[in-house]
Amino acid sequence: MKIIEINSATVTLHEACLLIPEFKALYEANKKDNGIQAFKYVYLFADYNSPYRAYDEEQKITALNKDLELTLTPELKAAIEKYKELNYSFNMRYLQDAIHAANQTRAYFRNVDYALLDARGNPVYKVKEVTDALKNTLQVITTLEGLKEKVESENVAQNKVRAGAKINKWEQ
């Protein structure tokens, strides 16, 4: 579902999106510019084709708060979740969850300190456990790339339909 239309430097709001309660509440809370900045935030935060898509959620919040000079409000958060609900396929959601888990794994590797000991004096990070996890990294990355390709092919097919074209049986 498109909520905004971007043409050159002009951004316009699709009025039909105001039929959805979460989008209407966002619009009502941001009437000063017809809700454009708030709906840009939703699009840039949640759309799969957003230039911010490589960021994790915390990075997106920080960047969008700064770039759009807005803060994440309860209305924005509800509109973002509704946008995801209406636009994300199962595979897209799965990819987002897998990326989240991969980012947590990256954070784990970044925080490994072999000198760190627990209360009993045993190492918190065991070399074998860390190296075993590192050995699986290539398989995880390959799996993520495959899922990403699947989501992108779904997205291309969906965009063909959105543009008004009909998908024939050979394109499915």
N, C-alpha and C. Protein backbone atom coordinates (compact mmCIF):
# COMPACT_ATOMS: atom_id res chain seq x y z
N MET A 1 0.84 -1.17 0.00
CA MET A 1 0.00 0.00 0.00
C MET A 1 0.88 1.23 0.00
N LYS A 2 0.63 2.12 -0.91
CA LYS A 2 1.37 3.37 -0.94
C LYS A 2 0.68 4.38 -0.04
N ILE A 3 1.48 5.05 0.79
CA ILE A 3 0.92 6.09 1.64
C ILE A 3 1.34 7.48 1.17
N ILE A 4 2.50 7.53 0.47
CA ILE A 4 2.95 8.79 -0.10
C ILE A 4 3.40 8.56 -1.52
N GLU A 5 3.36 9.60 -2.31
CA GLU A 5 3.84 9.58 -3.69
C GLU A 5 5.02 10.53 -3.77
N ILE A 6 6.12 10.04 -4.31
CA ILE A 6 7.31 10.87 -4.42
C ILE A 6 7.59 11.12 -5.90
N ASN A 7 7.49 12.37 -6.31
CA ASN A 7 7.78 12.79 -7.67
C ASN A 7 8.76 13.94 -7.61
N SER A 8 9.96 13.73 -8.11
CA SER A 8 11.02 14.74 -8.04
C SER A 8 11.17 15.20 -6.59
N ALA A 9 10.97 16.47 -6.34
CA ALA A 9 11.12 16.99 -4.98
C ALA A 9 9.79 17.12 -4.26
N THR A 10 8.71 16.67 -4.88
CA THR A 10 7.37 16.81 -4.31
C THR A 10 6.93 15.51 -3.66
N VAL A 11 6.40 15.63 -2.46
CA VAL A 11 5.85 14.49 -1.73
C VAL A 11 4.40 14.79 -1.44
N THR A 12 3.50 13.89 -1.85
CA THR A 12 2.08 14.07 -1.57
C THR A 12 1.54 12.85 -0.83
N LEU A 13 0.53 13.09 -0.04
CA LEU A 13 -0.09 12.05 0.76
C LEU A 13 -1.24 11.43 -0.02
N HIS A 14 -1.31 10.10 -0.02
CA HIS A 14 -2.46 9.41 -0.62
C HIS A 14 -3.63 9.50 0.35
N GLU A 15 -4.69 10.16 -0.06
CA GLU A 15 -5.82 10.38 0.84
C GLU A 15 -6.48 9.08 1.29
N ALA A 16 -6.44 8.05 0.46
CA ALA A 16 -7.08 6.78 0.81
C ALA A 16 -6.46 6.16 2.06
N CYS A 17 -5.21 6.49 2.34
CA CYS A 17 -4.59 5.91 3.54
C CYS A 17 -5.26 6.42 4.81
N LEU A 18 -5.97 7.54 4.73
CA LEU A 18 -6.64 8.08 5.91
C LEU A 18 -7.86 7.25 6.33
N LEU A 19 -8.21 6.27 5.53
CA LEU A 19 -9.29 5.35 5.90
C LEU A 19 -8.83 4.34 6.95
N ILE A 20 -7.53 4.23 7.12
CA ILE A 20 -6.95 3.30 8.09
C ILE A 20 -6.74 4.06 9.41
N PRO A 21 -7.31 3.57 10.51
CA PRO A 21 -7.30 4.31 11.77
C PRO A 21 -5.91 4.78 12.23
N GLU A 22 -4.90 3.93 12.12
CA GLU A 22 -3.56 4.32 12.57
C GLU A 22 -2.99 5.46 11.73
N PHE A 23 -3.27 5.46 10.44
CA PHE A 23 -2.78 6.53 9.56
C PHE A 23 -3.57 7.82 9.79
N LYS A 24 -4.86 7.67 10.03
CA LYS A 24 -5.68 8.84 10.30
C LYS A 24 -5.24 9.52 11.61
N ALA A 25 -4.95 8.71 12.64
CA ALA A 25 -4.48 9.26 13.92
C ALA A 25 -3.15 9.99 13.74
N LEU A 26 -2.28 9.44 12.92
CA LEU A 26 -1.00 10.08 12.63
C LEU A 26 -1.21 11.41 11.92
N TYR A 27 -2.11 11.41 10.96
CA TYR A 27 -2.43 12.63 10.23
C TYR A 27 -3.01 13.69 11.17
N GLU A 28 -3.94 13.28 12.01
CA GLU A 28 -4.58 14.21 12.94
C GLU A 28 -3.56 14.83 13.91
N ALA A 29 -2.56 14.04 14.29
CA ALA A 29 -1.55 14.53 15.23
C ALA A 29 -0.49 15.40 14.55
N ASN A 30 -0.50 15.43 13.21
CA ASN A 30 0.55 16.15 12.46
C ASN A 30 -0.04 16.99 11.34
N LYS A 31 -1.07 17.75 11.63
CA LYS A 31 -1.77 18.53 10.60
C LYS A 31 -0.97 19.72 10.08
N LYS A 32 0.04 20.18 10.82
CA LYS A 32 0.72 21.41 10.43
C LYS A 32 1.30 21.37 9.02
N ASP A 33 1.76 20.21 8.57
CA ASP A 33 2.28 20.09 7.20
C ASP A 33 1.51 19.02 6.43
N ASN A 34 0.24 18.87 6.77
CA ASN A 34 -0.62 17.82 6.20
C ASN A 34 -0.06 16.41 6.44
N GLY A 35 0.72 16.28 7.48
CA GLY A 35 1.24 14.97 7.86
C GLY A 35 2.40 14.47 7.02
N ILE A 36 2.88 15.28 6.10
CA ILE A 36 3.91 14.82 5.16
C ILE A 36 5.16 14.32 5.89
N GLN A 37 5.70 15.09 6.83
CA GLN A 37 6.92 14.66 7.52
C GLN A 37 6.70 13.35 8.27
N ALA A 38 5.57 13.22 8.93
CA ALA A 38 5.29 12.00 9.69
C ALA A 38 5.15 10.80 8.75
N PHE A 39 4.47 10.98 7.61
CA PHE A 39 4.32 9.87 6.68
C PHE A 39 5.63 9.54 5.98
N LYS A 40 6.49 10.53 5.79
CA LYS A 40 7.85 10.25 5.27
C LYS A 40 8.57 9.35 6.26
N TYR A 41 8.42 9.66 7.56
CA TYR A 41 9.06 8.87 8.61
C TYR A 41 8.59 7.41 8.51
N VAL A 42 7.28 7.22 8.38
CA VAL A 42 6.74 5.86 8.27
C VAL A 42 7.33 5.15 7.06
N TYR A 43 7.31 5.82 5.92
CA TYR A 43 7.83 5.22 4.69
C TYR A 43 9.32 4.89 4.83
N LEU A 44 10.11 5.86 5.27
CA LEU A 44 11.55 5.65 5.36
C LEU A 44 11.91 4.63 6.42
N PHE A 45 11.11 4.50 7.45
CA PHE A 45 11.36 3.51 8.49
C PHE A 45 10.97 2.11 8.05
N ALA A 46 9.81 1.98 7.40
CA ALA A 46 9.23 0.65 7.23
C ALA A 46 9.24 0.10 5.81
N ASP A 47 9.36 0.92 4.79
CA ASP A 47 9.26 0.40 3.44
C ASP A 47 10.50 -0.40 3.07
N TYR A 48 10.28 -1.52 2.39
CA TYR A 48 11.39 -2.40 2.01
C TYR A 48 12.38 -1.69 1.09
N ASN A 49 11.93 -0.76 0.29
CA ASN A 49 12.80 -0.06 -0.66
C ASN A 49 13.41 1.22 -0.08
N SER A 50 13.22 1.46 1.18
CA SER A 50 13.75 2.66 1.83
C SER A 50 15.28 2.66 1.80
N PRO A 51 15.87 3.83 1.62
CA PRO A 51 17.33 3.89 1.69
C PRO A 51 17.87 3.57 3.10
N TYR A 52 17.01 3.55 4.09
CA TYR A 52 17.40 3.24 5.46
C TYR A 52 17.25 1.75 5.78
N ARG A 53 16.92 0.94 4.81
CA ARG A 53 16.59 -0.47 5.09
C ARG A 53 17.75 -1.27 5.65
N ALA A 54 18.98 -0.85 5.41
CA ALA A 54 20.13 -1.59 5.93
C ALA A 54 20.35 -1.35 7.42
N TYR A 55 19.72 -0.31 7.97
CA TYR A 55 19.88 0.01 9.38
C TYR A 55 19.01 -0.91 10.24
N ASP A 56 19.47 -1.19 11.46
CA ASP A 56 18.57 -1.87 12.39
C ASP A 56 17.61 -0.83 12.97
N GLU A 57 16.63 -1.26 13.75
CA GLU A 57 15.58 -0.34 14.20
C GLU A 57 16.12 0.84 15.00
N GLU A 58 17.06 0.60 15.89
CA GLU A 58 17.60 1.70 16.70
C GLU A 58 18.34 2.72 15.82
N GLN A 59 19.09 2.23 14.84
CA GLN A 59 19.80 3.13 13.92
C GLN A 59 18.80 3.95 13.10
N LYS A 60 17.71 3.30 12.67
CA LYS A 60 16.69 4.02 11.91
C LYS A 60 16.08 5.14 12.74
N ILE A 61 15.74 4.83 13.98
CA ILE A 61 15.12 5.83 14.86
C ILE A 61 16.07 7.02 15.02
N THR A 62 17.31 6.74 15.32
CA THR A 62 18.30 7.81 15.51
C THR A 62 18.45 8.65 14.24
N ALA A 63 18.62 7.97 13.10
CA ALA A 63 18.83 8.68 11.84
C ALA A 63 17.60 9.48 11.42
N LEU A 64 16.42 8.89 11.51
CA LEU A 64 15.22 9.59 11.08
C LEU A 64 14.84 10.72 12.03
N ASN A 65 15.06 10.53 13.32
CA ASN A 65 14.81 11.63 14.26
C ASN A 65 15.67 12.83 13.88
N LYS A 66 16.90 12.57 13.51
CA LYS A 66 17.83 13.65 13.14
C LYS A 66 17.49 14.20 11.75
N ASP A 67 17.36 13.31 10.77
CA ASP A 67 17.18 13.74 9.37
C ASP A 67 15.85 14.45 9.13
N LEU A 68 14.79 13.98 9.78
CA LEU A 68 13.47 14.58 9.58
C LEU A 68 13.07 15.53 10.70
N GLU A 69 13.94 15.64 11.70
CA GLU A 69 13.68 16.50 12.84
C GLU A 69 12.34 16.17 13.52
N LEU A 70 12.13 14.87 13.70
CA LEU A 70 10.94 14.36 14.40
C LEU A 70 11.40 13.39 15.47
N THR A 71 10.51 13.10 16.39
CA THR A 71 10.78 12.04 17.36
C THR A 71 9.72 10.97 17.20
N LEU A 72 10.08 9.76 17.55
CA LEU A 72 9.17 8.62 17.42
C LEU A 72 8.08 8.73 18.49
N THR A 73 6.87 9.03 18.04
CA THR A 73 5.72 9.18 18.95
C THR A 73 4.91 7.89 18.95
N PRO A 74 3.99 7.73 19.89
CA PRO A 74 3.11 6.55 19.86
C PRO A 74 2.31 6.45 18.55
N GLU A 75 1.88 7.59 17.99
CA GLU A 75 1.13 7.57 16.73
C GLU A 75 2.02 7.10 15.58
N LEU A 76 3.27 7.57 15.56
CA LEU A 76 4.22 7.13 14.52
C LEU A 76 4.48 5.64 14.64
N LYS A 77 4.70 5.19 15.86
CA LYS A 77 4.99 3.78 16.09
C LYS A 77 3.81 2.90 15.64
N ALA A 78 2.60 3.31 15.96
CA ALA A 78 1.41 2.54 15.56
C ALA A 78 1.27 2.53 14.03
N ALA A 79 1.54 3.67 13.39
CA ALA A 79 1.44 3.75 11.93
C ALA A 79 2.51 2.88 11.27
N ILE A 80 3.71 2.86 11.83
CA ILE A 80 4.79 2.02 11.29
C ILE A 80 4.40 0.55 11.38
N GLU A 81 3.88 0.13 12.52
CA GLU A 81 3.48 -1.27 12.69
C GLU A 81 2.35 -1.63 11.73
N LYS A 82 1.40 -0.72 11.53
CA LYS A 82 0.30 -0.98 10.60
C LYS A 82 0.83 -1.08 9.17
N TYR A 83 1.76 -0.20 8.81
CA TYR A 83 2.36 -0.22 7.47
C TYR A 83 3.05 -1.57 7.23
N LYS A 84 3.80 -2.03 8.23
CA LYS A 84 4.46 -3.34 8.10
C LYS A 84 3.43 -4.45 7.95
N GLU A 85 2.38 -4.40 8.77
CA GLU A 85 1.33 -5.42 8.73
C GLU A 85 0.69 -5.50 7.34
N LEU A 86 0.47 -4.35 6.73
CA LEU A 86 -0.19 -4.30 5.43
C LEU A 86 0.74 -4.61 4.26
N ASN A 87 2.05 -4.44 4.45
CA ASN A 87 2.98 -4.53 3.33
C ASN A 87 3.98 -5.68 3.37
N TYR A 88 4.23 -6.24 4.53
CA TYR A 88 5.28 -7.25 4.63
C TYR A 88 4.70 -8.65 4.42
N SER A 89 5.30 -9.38 3.50
CA SER A 89 4.93 -10.78 3.30
C SER A 89 5.57 -11.61 4.41
N PHE A 90 5.21 -12.87 4.48
CA PHE A 90 5.82 -13.77 5.46
C PHE A 90 7.34 -13.80 5.27
N ASN A 91 7.78 -13.92 4.00
CA ASN A 91 9.21 -13.99 3.73
C ASN A 91 9.92 -12.70 4.14
N MET A 92 9.27 -11.57 3.93
CA MET A 92 9.87 -10.29 4.30
C MET A 92 10.02 -10.18 5.82
N ARG A 93 8.99 -10.61 6.53
CA ARG A 93 9.05 -10.60 8.00
C ARG A 93 10.13 -11.54 8.50
N TYR A 94 10.20 -12.71 7.88
CA TYR A 94 11.20 -13.70 8.27
C TYR A 94 12.61 -13.15 8.02
N LEU A 95 12.80 -12.49 6.89
CA LEU A 95 14.09 -11.88 6.58
C LEU A 95 14.45 -10.83 7.64
N GLN A 96 13.50 -9.97 7.99
CA GLN A 96 13.76 -8.94 9.01
C GLN A 96 14.16 -9.58 10.34
N ASP A 97 13.46 -10.65 10.73
CA ASP A 97 13.78 -11.34 11.97
C ASP A 97 15.16 -12.00 11.90
N ALA A 98 15.48 -12.59 10.77
CA ALA A 98 16.79 -13.23 10.59
C ALA A 98 17.91 -12.20 10.62
N ILE A 99 17.69 -11.04 10.02
CA ILE A 99 18.69 -9.97 10.05
C ILE A 99 18.88 -9.49 11.49
N HIS A 100 17.78 -9.37 12.22
CA HIS A 100 17.87 -8.96 13.63
C HIS A 100 18.73 -9.96 14.41
N ALA A 101 18.49 -11.25 14.21
CA ALA A 101 19.27 -12.28 14.90
C ALA A 101 20.74 -12.22 14.47
N ALA A 102 20.98 -11.99 13.18
CA ALA A 102 22.36 -11.89 12.70
C ALA A 102 23.06 -10.68 13.31
N ASN A 103 22.35 -9.57 13.47
CA ASN A 103 22.94 -8.39 14.12
C ASN A 103 23.29 -8.68 15.58
N GLN A 104 22.46 -9.46 16.25
CA GLN A 104 22.76 -9.84 17.63
C GLN A 104 24.00 -10.73 17.68
N THR A 105 24.15 -11.60 16.69
CA THR A 105 25.33 -12.45 16.61
C THR A 105 26.58 -11.60 16.37
N ARG A 106 26.46 -10.60 15.50
CA ARG A 106 27.57 -9.68 15.27
C ARG A 106 27.96 -8.98 16.57
N ALA A 107 26.97 -8.54 17.33
CA ALA A 107 27.24 -7.88 18.61
C ALA A 107 27.94 -8.84 19.57
N TYR A 108 27.53 -10.10 19.55
CA TYR A 108 28.18 -11.11 20.39
C TYR A 108 29.66 -11.21 20.04
N PHE A 109 29.96 -11.35 18.76
CA PHE A 109 31.36 -11.45 18.33
C PHE A 109 32.14 -10.19 18.70
N ARG A 110 31.51 -9.05 18.56
CA ARG A 110 32.16 -7.77 18.87
C ARG A 110 32.50 -7.68 20.35
N ASN A 111 31.72 -8.35 21.20
CA ASN A 111 31.91 -8.24 22.65
C ASN A 111 32.73 -9.39 23.26
N VAL A 112 33.19 -10.31 22.43
CA VAL A 112 33.97 -11.43 22.96
C VAL A 112 35.24 -10.90 23.60
N ASP A 113 35.46 -11.34 24.83
CA ASP A 113 36.67 -10.98 25.58
C ASP A 113 37.10 -12.26 26.30
N TYR A 114 38.16 -12.90 25.78
CA TYR A 114 38.61 -14.16 26.35
C TYR A 114 39.17 -14.01 27.77
N ALA A 115 39.50 -12.79 28.16
CA ALA A 115 40.03 -12.55 29.50
C ALA A 115 38.91 -12.41 30.54
N LEU A 116 37.67 -12.28 30.09
CA LEU A 116 36.54 -12.09 30.99
C LEU A 116 36.22 -13.40 31.71
N LEU A 117 36.11 -13.33 33.05
CA LEU A 117 35.85 -14.52 33.86
C LEU A 117 34.53 -14.36 34.61
N ASP A 118 33.86 -15.50 34.85
CA ASP A 118 32.62 -15.47 35.62
C ASP A 118 32.96 -15.46 37.12
N ALA A 119 31.94 -15.56 37.97
CA ALA A 119 32.13 -15.49 39.43
C ALA A 119 33.01 -16.63 39.95
N ARG A 120 33.04 -17.76 39.27
CA ARG A 120 33.84 -18.91 39.70
C ARG A 120 35.26 -18.89 39.13
N GLY A 121 35.55 -17.90 38.29
CA GLY A 121 36.88 -17.81 37.70
C GLY A 121 37.02 -18.53 36.38
N ASN A 122 35.89 -18.99 35.82
CA ASN A 122 35.92 -19.67 34.52
C ASN A 122 35.72 -18.65 33.41
N PRO A 123 36.32 -18.91 32.26
CA PRO A 123 36.14 -17.97 31.14
C PRO A 123 34.67 -17.89 30.71
N VAL A 124 34.18 -16.67 30.49
CA VAL A 124 32.81 -16.47 30.01
C VAL A 124 32.71 -16.92 28.56
N TYR A 125 33.71 -16.58 27.79
CA TYR A 125 33.74 -16.95 26.36
C TYR A 125 34.77 -18.05 26.17
N LYS A 126 34.31 -19.17 25.66
CA LYS A 126 35.20 -20.30 25.41
C LYS A 126 35.62 -20.27 23.94
N VAL A 127 36.91 -20.43 23.71
CA VAL A 127 37.46 -20.33 22.36
C VAL A 127 36.75 -21.29 21.41
N LYS A 128 36.51 -22.51 21.80
CA LYS A 128 35.88 -23.50 20.92
C LYS A 128 34.46 -23.06 20.53
N GLU A 129 33.68 -22.56 21.49
CA GLU A 129 32.31 -22.12 21.19
C GLU A 129 32.32 -20.95 20.20
N VAL A 130 33.23 -20.02 20.39
CA VAL A 130 33.30 -18.86 19.51
C VAL A 130 33.76 -19.28 18.11
N THR A 131 34.79 -20.12 18.03
CA THR A 131 35.27 -20.54 16.71
C THR A 131 34.24 -21.41 16.00
N ASP A 132 33.49 -22.23 16.74
CA ASP A 132 32.42 -23.02 16.11
C ASP A 132 31.35 -22.09 15.53
N ALA A 133 31.00 -21.06 16.27
CA ALA A 133 30.01 -20.10 15.77
C ALA A 133 30.55 -19.37 14.54
N LEU A 134 31.83 -19.03 14.56
CA LEU A 134 32.43 -18.36 13.40
C LEU A 134 32.42 -19.25 12.16
N LYS A 135 32.60 -20.55 12.36
CA LYS A 135 32.60 -21.48 11.22
C LYS A 135 31.26 -21.49 10.51
N ASN A 136 30.18 -21.26 11.24
CA ASN A 136 28.83 -21.26 10.66
C ASN A 136 28.46 -19.93 10.01
N THR A 137 29.30 -18.93 10.15
CA THR A 137 28.99 -17.59 9.65
C THR A 137 28.71 -17.57 8.16
N LEU A 138 29.54 -18.22 7.37
CA LEU A 138 29.34 -18.21 5.92
C LEU A 138 28.00 -18.83 5.54
N GLN A 139 27.61 -19.91 6.20
CA GLN A 139 26.32 -20.54 5.92
C GLN A 139 25.17 -19.59 6.28
N VAL A 140 25.29 -18.87 7.38
CA VAL A 140 24.25 -17.92 7.78
C VAL A 140 24.14 -16.81 6.74
N ILE A 141 25.27 -16.27 6.34
CA ILE A 141 25.27 -15.19 5.35
C ILE A 141 24.69 -15.66 4.02
N THR A 142 25.06 -16.84 3.59
CA THR A 142 24.52 -17.40 2.34
C THR A 142 23.01 -17.58 2.43
N THR A 143 22.54 -18.07 3.56
CA THR A 143 21.10 -18.24 3.76
C THR A 143 20.38 -16.90 3.74
N LEU A 144 20.95 -15.90 4.41
CA LEU A 144 20.35 -14.57 4.42
C LEU A 144 20.31 -13.98 3.01
N GLU A 145 21.37 -14.16 2.24
CA GLU A 145 21.39 -13.64 0.87
C GLU A 145 20.33 -14.32 0.01
N GLY A 146 20.15 -15.63 0.18
CA GLY A 146 19.11 -16.35 -0.56
C GLY A 146 17.72 -15.86 -0.22
N LEU A 147 17.48 -15.64 1.06
CA LEU A 147 16.18 -15.12 1.49
C LEU A 147 15.97 -13.70 0.98
N LYS A 148 17.02 -12.91 0.99
CA LYS A 148 16.94 -11.54 0.48
C LYS A 148 16.59 -11.54 -1.00
N GLU A 149 17.19 -12.43 -1.77
CA GLU A 149 16.87 -12.53 -3.21
C GLU A 149 15.41 -12.92 -3.41
N LYS A 150 14.92 -13.84 -2.60
CA LYS A 150 13.52 -14.27 -2.70
C LYS A 150 12.58 -13.10 -2.41
N VAL A 151 12.88 -12.34 -1.37
CA VAL A 151 12.06 -11.19 -1.01
C VAL A 151 12.10 -10.14 -2.12
N GLU A 152 13.28 -9.90 -2.69
CA GLU A 152 13.39 -8.92 -3.76
C GLU A 152 12.62 -9.36 -5.00
N SER A 153 12.62 -10.65 -5.32
CA SER A 153 11.84 -11.11 -6.47
C SER A 153 10.34 -10.98 -6.20
N GLU A 154 9.92 -11.22 -4.95
CA GLU A 154 8.51 -10.99 -4.58
C GLU A 154 8.16 -9.52 -4.74
N ASN A 155 9.08 -8.67 -4.32
CA ASN A 155 8.86 -7.23 -4.37
C ASN A 155 8.72 -6.75 -5.81
N VAL A 156 9.53 -7.28 -6.72
CA VAL A 156 9.44 -6.92 -8.13
C VAL A 156 8.09 -7.34 -8.69
N ALA A 157 7.66 -8.56 -8.36
CA ALA A 157 6.36 -9.04 -8.84
C ALA A 157 5.23 -8.18 -8.28
N GLN A 158 5.33 -7.81 -7.02
CA GLN A 158 4.29 -6.98 -6.40
C GLN A 158 4.26 -5.59 -7.04
N ASN A 159 5.41 -5.04 -7.35
CA ASN A 159 5.46 -3.72 -7.98
C ASN A 159 4.88 -3.73 -9.37
N LYS A 160 5.01 -4.85 -10.08
CA LYS A 160 4.38 -4.96 -11.40
C LYS A 160 2.88 -4.86 -11.27
N VAL A 161 2.34 -5.53 -10.26
CA VAL A 161 0.90 -5.49 -10.04
C VAL A 161 0.47 -4.09 -9.62
N ARG A 162 1.26 -3.45 -8.76
CA ARG A 162 0.92 -2.11 -8.30
C ARG A 162 0.91 -1.11 -9.44
N ALA A 163 1.77 -1.31 -10.41
CA ALA A 163 1.86 -0.37 -11.53
C ALA A 163 0.69 -0.55 -12.49
N GLY A 164 -0.20 -1.47 -12.21
CA GLY A 164 -1.38 -1.66 -13.03
C GLY A 164 -1.24 -2.78 -14.04
N ALA A 165 -0.06 -3.36 -14.12
CA ALA A 165 0.13 -4.46 -15.07
C ALA A 165 -0.45 -5.74 -14.48
N LYS A 166 -0.84 -6.63 -15.33
CA LYS A 166 -1.34 -7.91 -14.88
C LYS A 166 -0.23 -8.94 -15.01
N ILE A 167 -0.10 -9.79 -14.01
CA ILE A 167 0.89 -10.85 -14.06
C ILE A 167 0.24 -12.06 -14.71
N ASN A 168 0.85 -12.53 -15.78
CA ASN A 168 0.30 -13.72 -16.43
C ASN A 168 0.92 -14.97 -15.81
N LYS A 169 0.45 -16.11 -16.21
CA LYS A 169 0.89 -17.36 -15.58
C LYS A 169 2.38 -17.62 -15.77
N TRP A 170 3.00 -17.02 -16.79
CA TRP A 170 4.43 -17.24 -17.04
C TRP A 170 5.31 -16.41 -16.12
N GLU A 171 4.77 -15.36 -15.52
CA GLU A 171 5.54 -14.50 -14.63
C GLU A 171 5.44 -14.93 -13.16
N GLN A 172 4.55 -15.84 -12.86
CA GLN A 172 4.35 -16.24 -11.46
C GLN A 172 5.41 -17.19 -11.00
